């Protein structure tokens, strides 16, 4: 009879920390935050309003538009 080794659980937090620290991911996060700040300044979104900034494919600069969080996260 062979005994199976118990499966090792993945520690996602370690993986996420490494991924989020890469220069490319930092650049993307900075762009997303900047778009949100501009929308707040323009008055199209407010803190805690439940809206996300929708960033169209291709990353067209200045094309981010506010939309409800549920609609934005449902987009595929």
N, C-alpha and C. Protein backbone atom coordinates (compact mmCIF):
# COMPACT_ATOMS: atom_id res chain seq x y z
N UNK A 1 0.84 -1.18 0.00
CA UNK A 1 0.00 0.00 0.00
C UNK A 1 0.89 1.25 0.00
N UNK A 2 0.59 2.15 -0.91
CA UNK A 2 1.37 3.39 -0.97
C UNK A 2 0.62 4.49 -0.24
N UNK A 3 1.37 5.31 0.40
CA UNK A 3 0.74 6.43 1.10
C UNK A 3 0.92 7.70 0.27
N UNK A 4 -0.14 8.44 0.18
CA UNK A 4 -0.09 9.69 -0.56
C UNK A 4 0.44 10.80 0.33
N UNK A 5 1.24 11.66 -0.28
CA UNK A 5 1.71 12.83 0.45
C UNK A 5 0.57 13.83 0.50
N UNK A 6 0.39 14.47 1.63
CA UNK A 6 -0.67 15.47 1.68
C UNK A 6 -0.34 16.63 0.75
N UNK A 7 -1.37 17.10 0.06
CA UNK A 7 -1.17 18.20 -0.86
C UNK A 7 -0.80 19.47 -0.10
N UNK A 8 0.15 20.19 -0.64
CA UNK A 8 0.55 21.46 -0.04
C UNK A 8 -0.42 22.55 -0.48
N UNK A 9 -0.88 23.32 0.46
CA UNK A 9 -1.79 24.41 0.13
C UNK A 9 -0.99 25.55 -0.49
N UNK A 10 -1.57 26.17 -1.51
CA UNK A 10 -0.93 27.32 -2.13
C UNK A 10 -1.14 28.55 -1.27
N UNK A 11 -0.09 29.31 -1.13
CA UNK A 11 -0.19 30.55 -0.38
C UNK A 11 -0.31 31.67 -1.41
N UNK A 12 -1.53 32.10 -1.66
CA UNK A 12 -1.78 33.09 -2.69
C UNK A 12 -1.20 34.46 -2.32
N UNK A 13 -1.15 34.75 -1.02
CA UNK A 13 -0.66 36.06 -0.63
C UNK A 13 0.79 36.27 -1.06
N UNK A 14 1.61 35.24 -0.98
CA UNK A 14 3.00 35.34 -1.41
C UNK A 14 3.07 35.57 -2.92
N UNK A 15 2.27 34.83 -3.66
CA UNK A 15 2.23 34.96 -5.11
C UNK A 15 1.78 36.38 -5.50
N UNK A 16 0.72 36.86 -4.85
CA UNK A 16 0.19 38.18 -5.15
C UNK A 16 1.20 39.28 -4.86
N UNK A 17 1.92 39.16 -3.74
CA UNK A 17 2.92 40.17 -3.39
C UNK A 17 3.99 40.26 -4.47
N UNK A 18 4.45 39.10 -4.94
CA UNK A 18 5.48 39.09 -5.97
C UNK A 18 4.96 39.67 -7.27
N UNK A 19 3.75 39.30 -7.65
CA UNK A 19 3.18 39.78 -8.91
C UNK A 19 2.94 41.28 -8.87
N UNK A 20 2.34 41.75 -7.78
CA UNK A 20 1.98 43.15 -7.69
C UNK A 20 3.19 44.07 -7.57
N UNK A 21 4.35 43.52 -7.27
CA UNK A 21 5.56 44.32 -7.14
C UNK A 21 6.33 44.43 -8.46
N UNK A 22 5.90 43.71 -9.49
CA UNK A 22 6.62 43.77 -10.76
C UNK A 22 6.41 45.15 -11.40
N UNK A 23 7.41 45.67 -12.09
CA UNK A 23 7.31 47.00 -12.68
C UNK A 23 6.10 47.19 -13.59
N UNK A 24 5.74 46.17 -14.35
CA UNK A 24 4.60 46.28 -15.26
C UNK A 24 3.29 46.43 -14.48
N UNK A 25 3.12 45.66 -13.43
CA UNK A 25 1.89 45.74 -12.63
C UNK A 25 1.81 47.06 -11.88
N UNK A 26 2.96 47.56 -11.42
CA UNK A 26 2.98 48.84 -10.72
C UNK A 26 2.54 49.94 -11.69
N UNK A 27 3.05 49.89 -12.92
CA UNK A 27 2.69 50.87 -13.94
C UNK A 27 1.19 50.86 -14.21
N UNK A 28 0.61 49.66 -14.31
CA UNK A 28 -0.83 49.54 -14.57
C UNK A 28 -1.64 50.12 -13.41
N UNK A 29 -1.22 49.82 -12.18
CA UNK A 29 -1.94 50.30 -11.00
C UNK A 29 -1.88 51.82 -10.92
N UNK A 30 -0.72 52.39 -11.22
CA UNK A 30 -0.56 53.84 -11.20
C UNK A 30 -1.51 54.48 -12.21
N UNK A 31 -1.63 53.90 -13.40
CA UNK A 31 -2.52 54.43 -14.43
C UNK A 31 -3.98 54.36 -13.99
N UNK A 32 -4.36 53.25 -13.35
CA UNK A 32 -5.74 53.11 -12.88
C UNK A 32 -6.05 54.14 -11.80
N UNK A 33 -5.14 54.31 -10.86
CA UNK A 33 -5.34 55.29 -9.79
C UNK A 33 -5.42 56.70 -10.33
N UNK A 34 -4.59 57.00 -11.32
CA UNK A 34 -4.57 58.33 -11.93
C UNK A 34 -5.91 58.62 -12.61
N UNK A 35 -6.45 57.64 -13.33
CA UNK A 35 -7.73 57.81 -14.00
C UNK A 35 -8.84 58.07 -12.98
N UNK A 36 -8.78 57.38 -11.87
CA UNK A 36 -9.78 57.57 -10.81
C UNK A 36 -9.67 58.98 -10.22
N UNK A 37 -8.44 59.43 -9.96
CA UNK A 37 -8.23 60.76 -9.41
C UNK A 37 -8.76 61.85 -10.35
N UNK A 38 -8.51 61.68 -11.65
CA UNK A 38 -9.01 62.65 -12.62
C UNK A 38 -10.54 62.67 -12.64
N UNK A 39 -11.16 61.51 -12.52
CA UNK A 39 -12.62 61.44 -12.52
C UNK A 39 -13.20 62.08 -11.26
N UNK A 40 -12.51 61.92 -10.14
CA UNK A 40 -12.97 62.55 -8.89
C UNK A 40 -12.88 64.07 -9.04
N UNK A 41 -11.77 64.53 -9.61
CA UNK A 41 -11.59 65.97 -9.82
C UNK A 41 -12.66 66.54 -10.75
N UNK A 42 -13.00 65.76 -11.78
CA UNK A 42 -14.01 66.21 -12.75
C UNK A 42 -15.42 66.12 -12.18
N UNK A 43 -15.59 65.39 -11.07
CA UNK A 43 -16.89 65.28 -10.44
C UNK A 43 -17.76 64.15 -10.97
N UNK A 44 -17.19 63.26 -11.79
CA UNK A 44 -17.99 62.17 -12.34
C UNK A 44 -18.12 60.99 -11.39
N UNK A 45 -17.20 60.88 -10.43
CA UNK A 45 -17.30 59.84 -9.40
C UNK A 45 -16.99 60.46 -8.04
N UNK A 46 -17.44 59.78 -7.00
CA UNK A 46 -17.16 60.23 -5.64
C UNK A 46 -16.71 59.03 -4.83
N UNK A 47 -16.01 59.29 -3.76
CA UNK A 47 -15.55 58.22 -2.88
C UNK A 47 -16.75 57.49 -2.30
N UNK A 48 -16.74 56.17 -2.43
CA UNK A 48 -17.81 55.35 -1.85
C UNK A 48 -19.09 55.30 -2.66
N UNK A 49 -19.07 55.74 -3.91
CA UNK A 49 -20.29 55.75 -4.71
C UNK A 49 -20.59 54.41 -5.38
N UNK A 50 -19.70 53.43 -5.24
CA UNK A 50 -19.94 52.10 -5.79
C UNK A 50 -19.69 52.01 -7.29
N UNK A 51 -18.96 52.96 -7.83
CA UNK A 51 -18.67 52.94 -9.26
C UNK A 51 -17.19 52.63 -9.48
N UNK A 52 -16.91 51.97 -10.59
CA UNK A 52 -15.55 51.66 -11.00
C UNK A 52 -15.23 52.45 -12.25
N UNK A 53 -13.95 52.59 -12.51
CA UNK A 53 -13.52 53.20 -13.77
C UNK A 53 -13.34 52.07 -14.77
N UNK A 54 -14.05 52.15 -15.88
CA UNK A 54 -13.93 51.14 -16.93
C UNK A 54 -12.81 51.55 -17.86
N UNK A 55 -11.80 50.69 -18.00
CA UNK A 55 -10.67 50.97 -18.88
C UNK A 55 -10.80 50.08 -20.11
N UNK A 56 -11.15 50.66 -21.25
CA UNK A 56 -11.34 49.86 -22.47
C UNK A 56 -10.06 49.12 -22.88
N UNK A 57 -10.23 48.05 -23.60
CA UNK A 57 -9.08 47.29 -24.11
C UNK A 57 -8.20 48.19 -24.94
N UNK A 58 -6.93 47.95 -24.91
CA UNK A 58 -6.00 48.76 -25.67
C UNK A 58 -5.41 49.89 -24.84
N UNK A 59 -6.00 50.14 -23.67
CA UNK A 59 -5.48 51.15 -22.77
C UNK A 59 -5.44 52.54 -23.34
N UNK A 60 -6.45 52.88 -24.14
CA UNK A 60 -6.48 54.22 -24.73
C UNK A 60 -6.47 55.25 -23.61
N UNK A 61 -5.51 56.15 -23.67
CA UNK A 61 -5.32 57.12 -22.60
C UNK A 61 -6.50 58.09 -22.57
N UNK A 62 -7.03 58.31 -21.38
CA UNK A 62 -8.12 59.25 -21.23
C UNK A 62 -9.47 58.70 -21.63
N UNK A 63 -9.56 57.42 -21.94
CA UNK A 63 -10.83 56.84 -22.38
C UNK A 63 -11.54 56.09 -21.26
N UNK A 64 -11.02 56.15 -20.04
CA UNK A 64 -11.65 55.47 -18.93
C UNK A 64 -12.96 56.18 -18.59
N UNK A 65 -14.02 55.41 -18.42
CA UNK A 65 -15.33 55.98 -18.10
C UNK A 65 -15.87 55.32 -16.84
N UNK A 66 -16.57 56.08 -15.99
CA UNK A 66 -17.14 55.48 -14.79
C UNK A 66 -18.37 54.65 -15.12
N UNK A 67 -18.52 53.53 -14.44
CA UNK A 67 -19.72 52.70 -14.57
C UNK A 67 -19.91 51.94 -13.27
N UNK A 68 -21.07 51.36 -13.10
CA UNK A 68 -21.34 50.64 -11.86
C UNK A 68 -20.36 49.49 -11.71
N UNK A 69 -20.00 49.19 -10.49
CA UNK A 69 -19.03 48.15 -10.22
C UNK A 69 -19.50 46.80 -10.74
N UNK A 70 -20.79 46.50 -10.56
CA UNK A 70 -21.30 45.20 -10.98
C UNK A 70 -21.25 45.06 -12.50
N UNK A 71 -21.56 46.12 -13.22
CA UNK A 71 -21.52 46.07 -14.68
C UNK A 71 -20.08 45.96 -15.18
N UNK A 72 -19.18 46.71 -14.55
CA UNK A 72 -17.78 46.69 -14.98
C UNK A 72 -17.14 45.32 -14.74
N UNK A 73 -17.44 44.71 -13.63
CA UNK A 73 -16.82 43.42 -13.30
C UNK A 73 -17.48 42.26 -14.01
N UNK A 74 -18.66 42.49 -14.59
CA UNK A 74 -19.34 41.44 -15.34
C UNK A 74 -18.86 41.42 -16.79
N UNK A 75 -18.21 42.49 -17.24
CA UNK A 75 -17.72 42.55 -18.63
C UNK A 75 -16.67 41.48 -18.84
N UNK A 76 -16.73 40.84 -19.97
CA UNK A 76 -15.75 39.80 -20.30
C UNK A 76 -15.05 40.17 -21.59
